[in-house]
Amino acid sequence: MDEIDRRIINALQVGFPICDAPYQRVAGQLGLTEPALLERLQALLDNGTLSRFGPLYHAELMGGALTLAAVKAPPEHFDEVTDIINAFPEVAHNYARNHALTMWFVIATETPEQIRQTLSAIEQQTGLTVYNMPKINEYFVGLKLEA
């Protein structure tokens, strides 16, 4: 990652313009061409520096719900449990942890009641206890890279 990539990441964390040509506007603010900006964003996604590029929605303000959940997936069935959990459209992502709770995942639903339904369905399909860890407080942590 070079200085230009750091400037792109820093700039895009504080907002993205809503206009007819947002990438062109951002590129101009950074002293780049629009194709150069798009190429760099794609490279950052391709090499794993960025896991995603897109908007973040505040689900609760839109009437929805989010929660962090975890299971103790036995190592010999980890892939099978992963496939079951990932098949739920409400599961945003999951990851393995070196912890007593070996798989953690985020559930996002349109209503708070759907969280309980999804947790219950995952328990039924996996045969595992799902530990629900709902958010108590929300904190924003910004990442600013030195250019």
Protein backbone atom coordinates (compact mmCIF):
# COMPACT_ATOMS: atom_id res chain seq x y z
CA MET A 1 0.00 0.00 0.00
CA ASP A 2 1.47 3.31 -1.01
CA GLU A 3 0.75 6.92 -0.06
CA ILE A 4 -2.02 7.26 -2.66
CA ASP A 5 -3.79 4.13 -1.39
CA ARG A 6 -3.62 5.50 2.15
CA ARG A 7 -5.10 8.83 1.01
CA ILE A 8 -7.92 6.99 -0.78
CA ILE A 9 -8.75 4.91 2.31
CA ASN A 10 -8.62 7.95 4.59
CA ALA A 11 -10.82 10.03 2.29
CA LEU A 12 -13.47 7.39 1.72
CA GLN A 13 -13.96 6.73 5.44
CA VAL A 14 -15.41 10.16 6.03
CA GLY A 15 -18.09 10.01 3.37
CA PHE A 16 -18.89 9.37 -0.25
CA PRO A 17 -20.56 12.04 -2.36
CA ILE A 18 -24.12 11.57 -3.55
CA CYS A 19 -24.04 13.04 -7.04
CA ASP A 20 -24.10 12.04 -10.72
CA ALA A 21 -20.37 11.20 -10.82
CA PRO A 22 -19.20 10.40 -7.26
CA TYR A 23 -16.01 8.55 -8.28
CA GLN A 24 -15.03 11.41 -10.54
CA ARG A 25 -15.54 13.90 -7.70
CA VAL A 26 -13.50 11.82 -5.22
CA ALA A 27 -10.77 11.29 -7.80
CA GLY A 28 -10.57 15.04 -8.41
CA GLN A 29 -10.31 15.75 -4.69
CA LEU A 30 -7.42 13.29 -4.50
CA GLY A 31 -5.67 14.55 -7.63
CA LEU A 32 -6.40 11.35 -9.55
CA THR A 33 -8.36 10.42 -12.63
CA GLU A 34 -11.56 8.47 -12.19
CA PRO A 35 -10.11 5.35 -13.93
CA ALA A 36 -7.03 5.50 -11.69
CA LEU A 37 -9.20 5.68 -8.56
CA LEU A 38 -11.37 2.76 -9.70
CA GLU A 39 -8.29 0.71 -10.60
CA ARG A 40 -6.75 1.32 -7.18
CA LEU A 41 -9.98 0.48 -5.34
CA GLN A 42 -10.26 -2.77 -7.28
CA ALA A 43 -6.62 -3.62 -6.53
CA LEU A 44 -7.19 -2.97 -2.80
CA LEU A 45 -10.18 -5.33 -2.90
CA ASP A 46 -8.35 -7.96 -4.98
CA ASN A 47 -5.30 -8.06 -2.70
CA GLY A 48 -7.38 -8.20 0.47
CA THR A 49 -6.38 -4.80 1.87
CA LEU A 50 -10.10 -3.93 1.73
CA SER A 51 -12.59 -6.69 2.46
CA ARG A 52 -15.45 -4.68 1.00
CA PHE A 53 -16.29 -1.23 -0.31
CA GLY A 54 -19.80 -0.01 0.16
CA PRO A 55 -22.23 1.74 2.47
CA LEU A 56 -22.85 0.82 6.08
CA TYR A 57 -26.44 0.99 7.19
CA HIS A 58 -27.68 1.52 10.73
CA ALA A 59 -30.09 -1.42 10.77
CA GLU A 60 -31.74 -0.51 14.06
CA LEU A 61 -32.71 2.96 12.82
CA MET A 62 -34.32 1.29 9.80
CA GLY A 63 -36.37 -1.04 12.04
CA GLY A 64 -34.03 -4.00 11.67
CA ALA A 65 -31.70 -5.76 14.05
CA LEU A 66 -28.13 -7.03 14.29
CA THR A 67 -26.41 -9.37 16.67
CA LEU A 68 -23.12 -11.17 17.09
CA ALA A 69 -23.50 -14.89 17.73
CA ALA A 70 -21.19 -17.83 18.24
CA VAL A 71 -21.15 -21.61 18.44
CA LYS A 72 -18.77 -24.30 19.65
CA ALA A 73 -18.35 -26.06 16.31
CA PRO A 74 -16.48 -29.34 16.72
CA PRO A 75 -13.32 -29.38 14.56
CA GLU A 76 -14.40 -32.56 12.78
CA HIS A 77 -17.71 -30.91 11.74
CA PHE A 78 -16.50 -27.33 11.32
CA ASP A 79 -16.96 -27.22 7.53
CA GLU A 80 -20.41 -28.80 7.78
CA VAL A 81 -21.49 -26.28 10.44
CA THR A 82 -20.05 -23.46 8.33
CA ASP A 83 -22.13 -24.53 5.32
CA ILE A 84 -25.31 -24.71 7.40
CA ILE A 85 -24.80 -21.29 9.00
CA ASN A 86 -23.70 -19.62 5.75
CA ALA A 87 -26.87 -20.89 4.04
CA PHE A 88 -28.93 -18.49 6.15
CA PRO A 89 -29.44 -15.24 4.22
CA GLU A 90 -29.48 -13.39 7.56
CA VAL A 91 -25.85 -14.32 8.23
CA ALA A 92 -23.71 -11.42 7.08
CA HIS A 93 -20.36 -13.16 7.63
CA ASN A 94 -18.67 -15.61 9.93
CA TYR A 95 -15.17 -16.48 10.97
CA ALA A 96 -13.22 -19.09 12.89
CA ARG A 97 -11.83 -18.13 16.27
CA ASN A 98 -9.14 -19.69 18.42
CA HIS A 99 -11.51 -19.63 21.39
CA ALA A 100 -13.90 -21.94 23.24
CA LEU A 101 -16.54 -20.56 20.88
CA THR A 102 -14.92 -21.59 17.61
CA MET A 103 -17.20 -19.88 15.09
CA TRP A 104 -18.53 -16.34 15.35
CA PHE A 105 -21.04 -14.76 12.97
CA VAL A 106 -23.11 -11.64 12.49
CA ILE A 107 -26.85 -11.87 11.92
CA ALA A 108 -28.76 -9.00 10.30
CA THR A 109 -32.54 -9.08 10.03
CA GLU A 110 -35.41 -6.83 9.03
CA THR A 111 -37.02 -7.05 12.48
CA PRO A 112 -35.81 -7.83 16.01
CA GLU A 113 -38.11 -10.88 16.16
CA GLN A 114 -36.31 -12.40 13.17
CA ILE A 115 -33.08 -12.48 15.22
CA ARG A 116 -34.68 -14.90 17.68
CA GLN A 117 -36.17 -16.97 14.86
CA THR A 118 -32.83 -17.20 13.04
CA LEU A 119 -30.91 -18.13 16.19
CA SER A 120 -33.46 -20.86 16.91
CA ALA A 121 -33.34 -22.20 13.34
CA ILE A 122 -29.52 -22.34 13.43
CA GLU A 123 -29.67 -24.27 16.70
CA GLN A 124 -32.18 -26.71 15.23
CA GLN A 125 -30.20 -27.28 12.02
CA THR A 126 -26.74 -27.56 13.62
CA GLY A 127 -27.71 -29.20 16.91
CA LEU A 128 -25.44 -26.66 18.62
CA THR A 129 -26.17 -24.02 21.23
CA VAL A 130 -25.99 -20.55 19.70
CA TYR A 131 -24.64 -17.87 22.03
CA ASN A 132 -26.29 -14.54 21.31
CA MET A 133 -24.20 -11.44 22.09
CA PRO A 134 -26.33 -8.41 21.21
CA LYS A 135 -24.78 -4.98 21.09
CA ILE A 136 -25.07 -2.99 24.30
CA ASN A 137 -23.21 0.14 23.22
CA GLU A 138 -21.99 1.22 19.82
CA TYR A 139 -18.61 2.85 19.25
CA PHE A 140 -17.14 4.23 16.05
CA VAL A 141 -13.44 3.64 15.60
CA GLY A 142 -11.90 5.47 12.67
CA LEU A 143 -8.78 4.26 10.95
CA LYS A 144 -6.49 6.98 9.68
CA LEU A 145 -3.38 5.86 7.83
CA GLU A 146 -0.28 8.04 7.72
CA ALA A 147 0.25 9.15 4.14
